[in-house]
Amino acid sequence: LTEASTLIRGDLGSVVTLHIYRPYTKEKITFDLTRA
């Protein structure tokens, strides 16, 4: 969890891309999130 949190956090305003599998719809979705 610590390693994952370190990867998700970063400089304010920078973008992190989370690749997500949504079990109940069985779809893979990509989210580009701007760190705030």
PDB file of all heavy atoms in Angstrom:
ATOM      1  N   LEU A   1       0.836  -1.208   0.000  1.00  0.00           N
ATOM      2  CA  LEU A   1       0.000   0.000   0.000  1.00  0.00           C
ATOM      3  C   LEU A   1       0.869   1.255   0.000  1.00  0.00           C
ATOM      4  O   LEU A   1       0.561   2.233  -0.682  1.00  0.00           O
ATOM      5  CB  LEU A   1      -0.915   0.030   1.223  1.00  0.00           C
ATOM      6  CG  LEU A   1      -2.176  -0.823   1.128  1.00  0.00           C
ATOM      7  CD1 LEU A   1      -2.967  -0.752   2.421  1.00  0.00           C
ATOM      8  CD2 LEU A   1      -3.036  -0.384  -0.035  1.00  0.00           C
ATOM      9  N   THR A   2       1.966   1.227   0.747  1.00  0.00           N
ATOM     10  CA  THR A   2       2.867   2.383   0.815  1.00  0.00           C
ATOM     11  C   THR A   2       3.483   2.664  -0.552  1.00  0.00           C
ATOM     12  O   THR A   2       3.542   3.819  -0.996  1.00  0.00           O
ATOM     13  CB  THR A   2       3.983   2.131   1.858  1.00  0.00           C
ATOM     14  OG1 THR A   2       3.363   1.762   3.084  1.00  0.00           O
ATOM     15  CG2 THR A   2       4.830   3.368   2.074  1.00  0.00           C
ATOM     16  N   GLU A   3       3.928   1.617  -1.231  1.00  0.00           N
ATOM     17  CA  GLU A   3       4.526   1.788  -2.565  1.00  0.00           C
ATOM     18  C   GLU A   3       3.498   2.342  -3.554  1.00  0.00           C
ATOM     19  O   GLU A   3       3.804   3.245  -4.336  1.00  0.00           O
ATOM     20  CB  GLU A   3       5.080   0.454  -3.081  1.00  0.00           C
ATOM     21  CG  GLU A   3       6.296  -0.036  -2.315  1.00  0.00           C
ATOM     22  CD  GLU A   3       6.654  -1.492  -2.612  1.00  0.00           C
ATOM     23  OE1 GLU A   3       5.748  -2.289  -2.962  1.00  0.00           O
ATOM     24  OE2 GLU A   3       7.835  -1.834  -2.463  1.00  0.00           O
ATOM     25  N   ALA A   4       2.270   1.822  -3.491  1.00  0.00           N
ATOM     26  CA  ALA A   4       1.208   2.295  -4.393  1.00  0.00           C
ATOM     27  C   ALA A   4       0.881   3.761  -4.106  1.00  0.00           C
ATOM     28  O   ALA A   4       0.762   4.566  -5.033  1.00  0.00           O
ATOM     29  CB  ALA A   4      -0.042   1.428  -4.233  1.00  0.00           C
ATOM     30  N   SER A   5       0.767   4.115  -2.807  1.00  0.00           N
ATOM     31  CA  SER A   5       0.464   5.503  -2.439  1.00  0.00           C
ATOM     32  C   SER A   5       1.549   6.449  -2.939  1.00  0.00           C
ATOM     33  O   SER A   5       1.260   7.538  -3.422  1.00  0.00           O
ATOM     34  CB  SER A   5       0.355   5.645  -0.921  1.00  0.00           C
ATOM     35  OG  SER A   5      -0.783   4.973  -0.463  1.00  0.00           O
ATOM     36  N   THR A   6       2.805   6.028  -2.831  1.00  0.00           N
ATOM     37  CA  THR A   6       3.928   6.850  -3.295  1.00  0.00           C
ATOM     38  C   THR A   6       3.829   7.099  -4.796  1.00  0.00           C
ATOM     39  O   THR A   6       4.119   8.199  -5.269  1.00  0.00           O
ATOM     40  CB  THR A   6       5.269   6.157  -2.938  1.00  0.00           C
ATOM     41  OG1 THR A   6       5.297   5.939  -1.528  1.00  0.00           O
ATOM     42  CG2 THR A   6       6.446   7.023  -3.321  1.00  0.00           C
ATOM     43  N   LEU A   7       3.401   6.079  -5.542  1.00  0.00           N
ATOM     44  CA  LEU A   7       3.255   6.243  -6.995  1.00  0.00           C
ATOM     45  C   LEU A   7       2.082   7.158  -7.354  1.00  0.00           C
ATOM     46  O   LEU A   7       2.140   7.902  -8.335  1.00  0.00           O
ATOM     47  CB  LEU A   7       3.058   4.881  -7.673  1.00  0.00           C
ATOM     48  CG  LEU A   7       4.265   3.949  -7.715  1.00  0.00           C
ATOM     49  CD1 LEU A   7       3.851   2.580  -8.250  1.00  0.00           C
ATOM     50  CD2 LEU A   7       5.376   4.545  -8.566  1.00  0.00           C
ATOM     51  N   ILE A   8       1.005   7.089  -6.567  1.00  0.00           N
ATOM     52  CA  ILE A   8      -0.193   7.885  -6.864  1.00  0.00           C
ATOM     53  C   ILE A   8       0.033   9.355  -6.513  1.00  0.00           C
ATOM     54  O   ILE A   8      -0.380  10.243  -7.237  1.00  0.00           O
ATOM     55  CB  ILE A   8      -1.427   7.309  -6.126  1.00  0.00           C
ATOM     56  CG1 ILE A   8      -1.779   5.937  -6.714  1.00  0.00           C
ATOM     57  CG2 ILE A   8      -2.624   8.253  -6.255  1.00  0.00           C
ATOM     58  CD1 ILE A   8      -2.823   5.157  -5.931  1.00  0.00           C
ATOM     59  N   ARG A   9       0.727   9.598  -5.398  1.00  0.00           N
ATOM     60  CA  ARG A   9       1.015  10.984  -5.005  1.00  0.00           C
ATOM     61  C   ARG A   9       2.129  11.542  -5.854  1.00  0.00           C
ATOM     62  O   ARG A   9       2.978  10.813  -6.347  1.00  0.00           O
ATOM     63  CB  ARG A   9       1.439  11.043  -3.537  1.00  0.00           C
ATOM     64  CG  ARG A   9       0.293  10.844  -2.596  1.00  0.00           C
ATOM     65  CD  ARG A   9       0.684  11.231  -1.177  1.00  0.00           C
ATOM     66  NE  ARG A   9      -0.238  10.617  -0.248  1.00  0.00           N
ATOM     67  CZ  ARG A   9       0.060   9.595   0.546  1.00  0.00           C
ATOM     68  NH1 ARG A   9       1.275   9.106   0.559  1.00  0.00           N
ATOM     69  NH2 ARG A   9      -0.856   9.086   1.344  1.00  0.00           N
ATOM     70  N   GLY A  10       2.152  12.872  -5.962  1.00  0.00           N
ATOM     71  CA  GLY A  10       3.220  13.515  -6.728  1.00  0.00           C
ATOM     72  C   GLY A  10       3.055  15.013  -6.694  1.00  0.00           C
ATOM     73  O   GLY A  10       2.294  15.553  -5.892  1.00  0.00           O
ATOM     74  N   ASP A  11       3.770  15.683  -7.564  1.00  0.00           N
ATOM     75  CA  ASP A  11       3.729  17.144  -7.594  1.00  0.00           C
ATOM     76  C   ASP A  11       2.319  17.641  -7.908  1.00  0.00           C
ATOM     77  O   ASP A  11       1.637  17.078  -8.775  1.00  0.00           O
ATOM     78  CB  ASP A  11       4.706  17.691  -8.639  1.00  0.00           C
ATOM     79  CG  ASP A  11       6.159  17.425  -8.243  1.00  0.00           C
ATOM     80  OD1 ASP A  11       6.440  17.364  -7.029  1.00  0.00           O
ATOM     81  OD2 ASP A  11       6.996  17.277  -9.152  1.00  0.00           O
ATOM     82  N   LEU A  12       1.912  18.701  -7.192  1.00  0.00           N
ATOM     83  CA  LEU A  12       0.603  19.320  -7.442  1.00  0.00           C
ATOM     84  C   LEU A  12       0.488  19.700  -8.911  1.00  0.00           C
ATOM     85  O   LEU A  12       1.426  20.234  -9.488  1.00  0.00           O
ATOM     86  CB  LEU A  12       0.454  20.596  -6.602  1.00  0.00           C
ATOM     87  CG  LEU A  12      -0.048  20.458  -5.181  1.00  0.00           C
ATOM     88  CD1 LEU A  12      -0.132  21.839  -4.531  1.00  0.00           C
ATOM     89  CD2 LEU A  12      -1.390  19.776  -5.120  1.00  0.00           C
ATOM     90  N   GLY A  13      -0.648  19.406  -9.524  1.00  0.00           N
ATOM     91  CA  GLY A  13      -0.878  19.789 -10.913  1.00  0.00           C
ATOM     92  C   GLY A  13      -0.364  18.782 -11.919  1.00  0.00           C
ATOM     93  O   GLY A  13      -0.704  18.855 -13.095  1.00  0.00           O
ATOM     94  N   SER A  14       0.460  17.817 -11.491  1.00  0.00           N
ATOM     95  CA  SER A  14       0.939  16.793 -12.429  1.00  0.00           C
ATOM     96  C   SER A  14      -0.153  15.741 -12.600  1.00  0.00           C
ATOM     97  O   SER A  14      -1.095  15.663 -11.818  1.00  0.00           O
ATOM     98  CB  SER A  14       2.247  16.173 -11.937  1.00  0.00           C
ATOM     99  OG  SER A  14       2.038  15.481 -10.719  1.00  0.00           O
ATOM    100  N   VAL A  15      -0.010  14.912 -13.634  1.00  0.00           N
ATOM    101  CA  VAL A  15      -1.050  13.941 -13.964  1.00  0.00           C
ATOM    102  C   VAL A  15      -0.564  12.530 -13.647  1.00  0.00           C
ATOM    103  O   VAL A  15       0.581  12.183 -13.909  1.00  0.00           O
ATOM    104  CB  VAL A  15      -1.444  14.054 -15.456  1.00  0.00           C
ATOM    105  CG1 VAL A  15      -2.375  12.921 -15.879  1.00  0.00           C
ATOM    106  CG2 VAL A  15      -2.103  15.396 -15.723  1.00  0.00           C
ATOM    107  N   VAL A  16      -1.447  11.731 -13.055  1.00  0.00           N
ATOM    108  CA  VAL A  16      -1.180  10.310 -12.848  1.00  0.00           C
ATOM    109  C   VAL A  16      -2.272   9.536 -13.584  1.00  0.00           C
ATOM    110  O   VAL A  16      -3.433   9.942 -13.601  1.00  0.00           O
ATOM    111  CB  VAL A  16      -1.142   9.925 -11.338  1.00  0.00           C
ATOM    112  CG1 VAL A  16      -2.461  10.213 -10.653  1.00  0.00           C
ATOM    113  CG2 VAL A  16      -0.737   8.470 -11.145  1.00  0.00           C
ATOM    114  N   THR A  17      -1.866   8.438 -14.232  1.00  0.00           N
ATOM    115  CA  THR A  17      -2.828   7.618 -14.966  1.00  0.00           C
ATOM    116  C   THR A  17      -3.099   6.345 -14.179  1.00  0.00           C
ATOM    117  O   THR A  17      -2.182   5.578 -13.891  1.00  0.00           O
ATOM    118  CB  THR A  17      -2.293   7.274 -16.370  1.00  0.00           C
ATOM    119  OG1 THR A  17      -2.018   8.498 -17.057  1.00  0.00           O
ATOM    120  CG2 THR A  17      -3.321   6.484 -17.165  1.00  0.00           C
ATOM    121  N   LEU A  18      -4.360   6.166 -13.795  1.00  0.00           N
ATOM    122  CA  LEU A  18      -4.770   4.943 -13.099  1.00  0.00           C
ATOM    123  C   LEU A  18      -5.509   4.044 -14.084  1.00  0.00           C
ATOM    124  O   LEU A  18      -6.465   4.468 -14.726  1.00  0.00           O
ATOM    125  CB  LEU A  18      -5.681   5.261 -11.908  1.00  0.00           C
ATOM    126  CG  LEU A  18      -5.095   6.103 -10.775  1.00  0.00           C
ATOM    127  CD1 LEU A  18      -6.105   6.220  -9.639  1.00  0.00           C
ATOM    128  CD2 LEU A  18      -3.789   5.549 -10.279  1.00  0.00           C
ATOM    129  N   HIS A  19      -5.026   2.814 -14.192  1.00  0.00           N
ATOM    130  CA  HIS A  19      -5.676   1.817 -15.056  1.00  0.00           C
ATOM    131  C   HIS A  19      -6.514   0.945 -14.132  1.00  0.00           C
ATOM    132  O   HIS A  19      -5.998   0.320 -13.209  1.00  0.00           O
ATOM    133  CB  HIS A  19      -4.619   0.988 -15.794  1.00  0.00           C
ATOM    134  CG  HIS A  19      -3.700   1.818 -16.626  1.00  0.00           C
ATOM    135  ND1 HIS A  19      -3.934   2.074 -17.952  1.00  0.00           N
ATOM    136  CD2 HIS A  19      -2.559   2.474 -16.298  1.00  0.00           C
ATOM    137  CE1 HIS A  19      -2.961   2.850 -18.424  1.00  0.00           C
ATOM    138  NE2 HIS A  19      -2.117   3.110 -17.442  1.00  0.00           N
ATOM    139  N   ILE A  20      -7.809   0.938 -14.387  1.00  0.00           N
ATOM    140  CA  ILE A  20      -8.757   0.334 -13.452  1.00  0.00           C
ATOM    141  C   ILE A  20      -9.544  -0.781 -14.121  1.00  0.00           C
ATOM    142  O   ILE A  20      -9.958  -0.663 -15.280  1.00  0.00           O
ATOM    143  CB  ILE A  20      -9.694   1.432 -12.908  1.00  0.00           C
ATOM    144  CG1 ILE A  20      -8.919   2.216 -11.856  1.00  0.00           C
ATOM    145  CG2 ILE A  20     -10.977   0.868 -12.348  1.00  0.00           C
ATOM    146  CD1 ILE A  20      -9.676   3.310 -11.208  1.00  0.00           C
ATOM    147  N   TYR A  21      -9.759  -1.849 -13.371  1.00  0.00           N
ATOM    148  CA  TYR A  21     -10.691  -2.901 -13.769  1.00  0.00           C
ATOM    149  C   TYR A  21     -11.898  -2.772 -12.863  1.00  0.00           C
ATOM    150  O   TYR A  21     -11.779  -2.766 -11.644  1.00  0.00           O
ATOM    151  CB  TYR A  21     -10.052  -4.287 -13.614  1.00  0.00           C
ATOM    152  CG  TYR A  21     -11.029  -5.411 -13.866  1.00  0.00           C
ATOM    153  CD1 TYR A  21     -11.479  -5.683 -15.154  1.00  0.00           C
ATOM    154  CD2 TYR A  21     -11.525  -6.186 -12.812  1.00  0.00           C
ATOM    155  CE1 TYR A  21     -12.399  -6.693 -15.393  1.00  0.00           C
ATOM    156  CE2 TYR A  21     -12.436  -7.196 -13.039  1.00  0.00           C
ATOM    157  CZ  TYR A  21     -12.871  -7.441 -14.330  1.00  0.00           C
ATOM    158  OH  TYR A  21     -13.792  -8.440 -14.563  1.00  0.00           O
ATOM    159  N   ARG A  22     -13.068  -2.608 -13.478  1.00  0.00           N
ATOM    160  CA  ARG A  22     -14.314  -2.457 -12.718  1.00  0.00           C
ATOM    161  C   ARG A  22     -15.031  -3.808 -12.734  1.00  0.00           C
ATOM    162  O   ARG A  22     -15.629  -4.190 -13.745  1.00  0.00           O
ATOM    163  CB  ARG A  22     -15.161  -1.360 -13.352  1.00  0.00           C
ATOM    164  CG  ARG A  22     -16.363  -0.971 -12.530  1.00  0.00           C
ATOM    165  CD  ARG A  22     -16.916   0.373 -12.960  1.00  0.00           C
ATOM    166  NE  ARG A  22     -16.095   1.450 -12.428  1.00  0.00           N
ATOM    167  CZ  ARG A  22     -16.145   2.698 -12.867  1.00  0.00           C
ATOM    168  NH1 ARG A  22     -16.981   3.035 -13.832  1.00  0.00           N
ATOM    169  NH2 ARG A  22     -15.371   3.618 -12.324  1.00  0.00           N
ATOM    170  N   PRO A  23     -14.990  -4.548 -11.594  1.00  0.00           N
ATOM    171  CA  PRO A  23     -15.490  -5.929 -11.568  1.00  0.00           C
ATOM    172  C   PRO A  23     -16.956  -6.094 -11.974  1.00  0.00           C
ATOM    173  O   PRO A  23     -17.295  -7.031 -12.683  1.00  0.00           O
ATOM    174  CB  PRO A  23     -15.309  -6.361 -10.109  1.00  0.00           C
ATOM    175  CG  PRO A  23     -14.408  -5.371  -9.492  1.00  0.00           C
ATOM    176  CD  PRO A  23     -14.466  -4.129 -10.296  1.00  0.00           C
ATOM    177  N   TYR A  24     -17.833  -5.184 -11.535  1.00  0.00           N
ATOM    178  CA  TYR A  24     -19.265  -5.411 -11.789  1.00  0.00           C
ATOM    179  C   TYR A  24     -19.675  -5.120 -13.220  1.00  0.00           C
ATOM    180  O   TYR A  24     -20.736  -5.541 -13.651  1.00  0.00           O
ATOM    181  CB  TYR A  24     -20.155  -4.662 -10.785  1.00  0.00           C
ATOM    182  CG  TYR A  24     -19.740  -3.231 -10.523  1.00  0.00           C
ATOM    183  CD1 TYR A  24     -20.283  -2.190 -11.237  1.00  0.00           C
ATOM    184  CD2 TYR A  24     -18.790  -2.947  -9.545  1.00  0.00           C
ATOM    185  CE1 TYR A  24     -19.884  -0.882 -10.992  1.00  0.00           C
ATOM    186  CE2 TYR A  24     -18.391  -1.641  -9.298  1.00  0.00           C
ATOM    187  CZ  TYR A  24     -18.950  -0.612 -10.030  1.00  0.00           C
ATOM    188  OH  TYR A  24     -18.551   0.672  -9.797  1.00  0.00           O
ATOM    189  N   THR A  25     -18.847  -4.401 -13.999  1.00  0.00           N
ATOM    190  CA  THR A  25     -19.179  -4.228 -15.419  1.00  0.00           C
ATOM    191  C   THR A  25     -18.164  -4.958 -16.294  1.00  0.00           C
ATOM    192  O   THR A  25     -18.278  -4.964 -17.512  1.00  0.00           O
ATOM    193  CB  THR A  25     -19.201  -2.734 -15.815  1.00  0.00           C
ATOM    194  OG1 THR A  25     -17.917  -2.180 -15.534  1.00  0.00           O
ATOM    195  CG2 THR A  25     -20.279  -1.969 -15.087  1.00  0.00           C
ATOM    196  N   LYS A  26     -17.140  -5.543 -15.627  1.00  0.00           N
ATOM    197  CA  LYS A  26     -16.077  -6.289 -16.315  1.00  0.00           C
ATOM    198  C   LYS A  26     -15.382  -5.442 -17.388  1.00  0.00           C
ATOM    199  O   LYS A  26     -15.023  -5.940 -18.443  1.00  0.00           O
ATOM    200  CB  LYS A  26     -16.630  -7.581 -16.923  1.00  0.00           C
ATOM    201  CG  LYS A  26     -17.087  -8.589 -15.871  1.00  0.00           C
ATOM    202  CD  LYS A  26     -17.551  -9.888 -16.512  1.00  0.00           C
ATOM    203  CE  LYS A  26     -17.841 -10.976 -15.515  1.00  0.00           C
ATOM    204  NZ  LYS A  26     -18.724 -10.656 -14.426  1.00  0.00           N
ATOM    205  N   GLU A  27     -15.207  -4.133 -17.104  1.00  0.00           N
ATOM    206  CA  GLU A  27     -14.530  -3.289 -18.089  1.00  0.00           C
ATOM    207  C   GLU A  27     -13.238  -2.719 -17.529  1.00  0.00           C
ATOM    208  O   GLU A  27     -13.084  -2.550 -16.321  1.00  0.00           O
ATOM    209  CB  GLU A  27     -15.454  -2.168 -18.579  1.00  0.00           C
ATOM    210  CG  GLU A  27     -15.949  -1.237 -17.491  1.00  0.00           C
ATOM    211  CD  GLU A  27     -16.945  -0.195 -17.996  1.00  0.00           C
ATOM    212  OE1 GLU A  27     -16.815   0.273 -19.143  1.00  0.00           O
ATOM    213  OE2 GLU A  27     -17.832   0.157 -17.217  1.00  0.00           O
ATOM    214  N   LYS A  28     -12.308  -2.464 -18.444  1.00  0.00           N
ATOM    215  CA  LYS A  28     -11.059  -1.803 -18.079  1.00  0.00           C
ATOM    216  C   LYS A  28     -11.167  -0.344 -18.507  1.00  0.00           C
ATOM    217  O   LYS A  28     -11.541  -0.056 -19.635  1.00  0.00           O
ATOM    218  CB  LYS A  28      -9.872  -2.477 -18.767  1.00  0.00           C
ATOM    219  CG  LYS A  28      -9.552  -3.830 -18.178  1.00  0.00           C
ATOM    220  CD  LYS A  28      -8.291  -4.433 -18.785  1.00  0.00           C
ATOM    221  CE  LYS A  28      -7.925  -5.706 -18.049  1.00  0.00           C
ATOM    222  NZ  LYS A  28      -6.684  -6.303 -18.582  1.00  0.00           N
ATOM    223  N   ILE A  29     -10.853   0.572 -17.577  1.00  0.00           N
ATOM    224  CA  ILE A  29     -10.987   2.007 -17.853  1.00  0.00           C
ATOM    225  C   ILE A  29      -9.695   2.684 -17.437  1.00  0.00           C
ATOM    226  O   ILE A  29      -9.068   2.307 -16.446  1.00  0.00           O
ATOM    227  CB  ILE A  29     -12.146   2.640 -17.039  1.00  0.00           C
ATOM    228  CG1 ILE A  29     -13.385   1.745 -17.063  1.00  0.00           C
ATOM    229  CG2 ILE A  29     -12.496   4.017 -17.564  1.00  0.00           C
ATOM    230  CD1 ILE A  29     -14.412   2.094 -16.024  1.00  0.00           C
ATOM    231  N   THR A  30      -9.310   3.706 -18.188  1.00  0.00           N
ATOM    232  CA  THR A  30      -8.122   4.487 -17.857  1.00  0.00           C
ATOM    233  C   THR A  30      -8.557   5.878 -17.415  1.00  0.00           C
ATOM    234  O   THR A  30      -9.386   6.508 -18.068  1.00  0.00           O
ATOM    235  CB  THR A  30      -7.197   4.597 -19.093  1.00  0.00           C
ATOM    236  OG1 THR A  30      -6.852   3.276 -19.499  1.00  0.00           O
ATOM    237  CG2 THR A  30      -5.934   5.350 -18.762  1.00  0.00           C
ATOM    238  N   PHE A  31      -8.020   6.329 -16.292  1.00  0.00           N
ATOM    239  CA  PHE A  31      -8.326   7.659 -15.769  1.00  0.00           C
ATOM    240  C   PHE A  31      -7.040   8.478 -15.689  1.00  0.00           C
ATOM    241  O   PHE A  31      -6.068   8.043 -15.061  1.00  0.00           O
ATOM    242  CB  PHE A  31      -8.922   7.568 -14.353  1.00  0.00           C
ATOM    243  CG  PHE A  31     -10.298   6.969 -14.300  1.00  0.00           C
ATOM    244  CD1 PHE A  31     -10.477   5.608 -14.090  1.00  0.00           C
ATOM    245  CD2 PHE A  31     -11.428   7.765 -14.448  1.00  0.00           C
ATOM    246  CE1 PHE A  31     -11.748   5.061 -14.030  1.00  0.00           C
ATOM    247  CE2 PHE A  31     -12.706   7.224 -14.385  1.00  0.00           C
ATOM    248  CZ  PHE A  31     -12.859   5.872 -14.179  1.00  0.00           C
ATOM    249  N   ASP A  32      -7.022   9.628 -16.343  1.00  0.00           N
ATOM    250  CA  ASP A  32      -5.915  10.577 -16.196  1.00  0.00           C
ATOM    251  C   ASP A  32      -6.351  11.606 -15.164  1.00  0.00           C
ATOM    252  O   ASP A  32      -7.252  12.399 -15.420  1.00  0.00           O
ATOM    253  CB  ASP A  32      -5.606  11.270 -17.536  1.00  0.00           C
ATOM    254  CG  ASP A  32      -5.078  10.285 -18.568  1.00  0.00           C
ATOM    255  OD1 ASP A  32      -4.277   9.407 -18.182  1.00  0.00           O
ATOM    256  OD2 ASP A  32      -5.459  10.386 -19.750  1.00  0.00           O
ATOM    257  N   LEU A  33      -5.723  11.574 -14.005  1.00  0.00           N
ATOM    258  CA  LEU A  33      -6.137  12.429 -12.892  1.00  0.00           C
ATOM    259  C   LEU A  33      -5.064  13.455 -12.581  1.00  0.00           C
ATOM    260  O   LEU A  33      -3.892  13.115 -12.454  1.00  0.00           O
ATOM    261  CB  LEU A  33      -6.405  11.581 -11.645  1.00  0.00           C
ATOM    262  CG  LEU A  33      -7.441  10.465 -11.800  1.00  0.00           C
ATOM    263  CD1 LEU A  33      -7.443   9.566 -10.586  1.00  0.00           C
ATOM    264  CD2 LEU A  33      -8.822  11.050 -12.021  1.00  0.00           C
ATOM    265  N   THR A  34      -5.475  14.706 -12.448  1.00  0.00           N
ATOM    266  CA  THR A  34      -4.550  15.776 -12.077  1.00  0.00           C
ATOM    267  C   THR A  34      -4.460  15.829 -10.561  1.00  0.00           C
ATOM    268  O   THR A  34      -5.472  15.989  -9.878  1.00  0.00           O
ATOM    269  CB  THR A  34      -5.031  17.128 -12.639  1.00  0.00           C
ATOM    270  OG1 THR A  34      -5.177  16.995 -14.056  1.00  0.00           O
ATOM    271  CG2 THR A  34      -4.035  18.234 -12.326  1.00  0.00           C
ATOM    272  N   ARG A  35      -3.246  15.672 -10.056  1.00  0.00           N
ATOM    273  CA  ARG A  35      -3.044  15.678  -8.602  1.00  0.00           C
ATOM    274  C   ARG A  35      -3.393  17.039  -8.030  1.00  0.00           C
ATOM    275  O   ARG A  35      -3.035  18.073  -8.590  1.00  0.00           O
ATOM    276  CB  ARG A  35      -1.597  15.327  -8.275  1.00  0.00           C
ATOM    277  CG  ARG A  35      -1.227  13.904  -8.658  1.00  0.00           C
ATOM    278  CD  ARG A  35       0.237  13.653  -8.392  1.00  0.00           C
ATOM    279  NE  ARG A  35       0.614  12.288  -8.646  1.00  0.00           N
ATOM    280  CZ  ARG A  35       1.400  11.910  -9.660  1.00  0.00           C
ATOM    281  NH1 ARG A  35       1.861  12.800 -10.523  1.00  0.00           N
ATOM    282  NH2 ARG A  35       1.716  10.643  -9.801  1.00  0.00           N
ATOM    283  N   ALA A  36      -4.098  17.022  -6.904  1.00  0.00           N
ATOM    284  CA  ALA A  36      -4.561  18.262  -6.275  1.00  0.00           C
ATOM    285  C   ALA A  36      -4.268  18.203  -4.787  1.00  0.00           C
ATOM    286  O   ALA A  36      -3.938  17.149  -4.242  1.00  0.00           O
ATOM    287  CB  ALA A  36      -6.063  18.435  -6.513  1.00  0.00           C
TER     288      ALA A  36
END
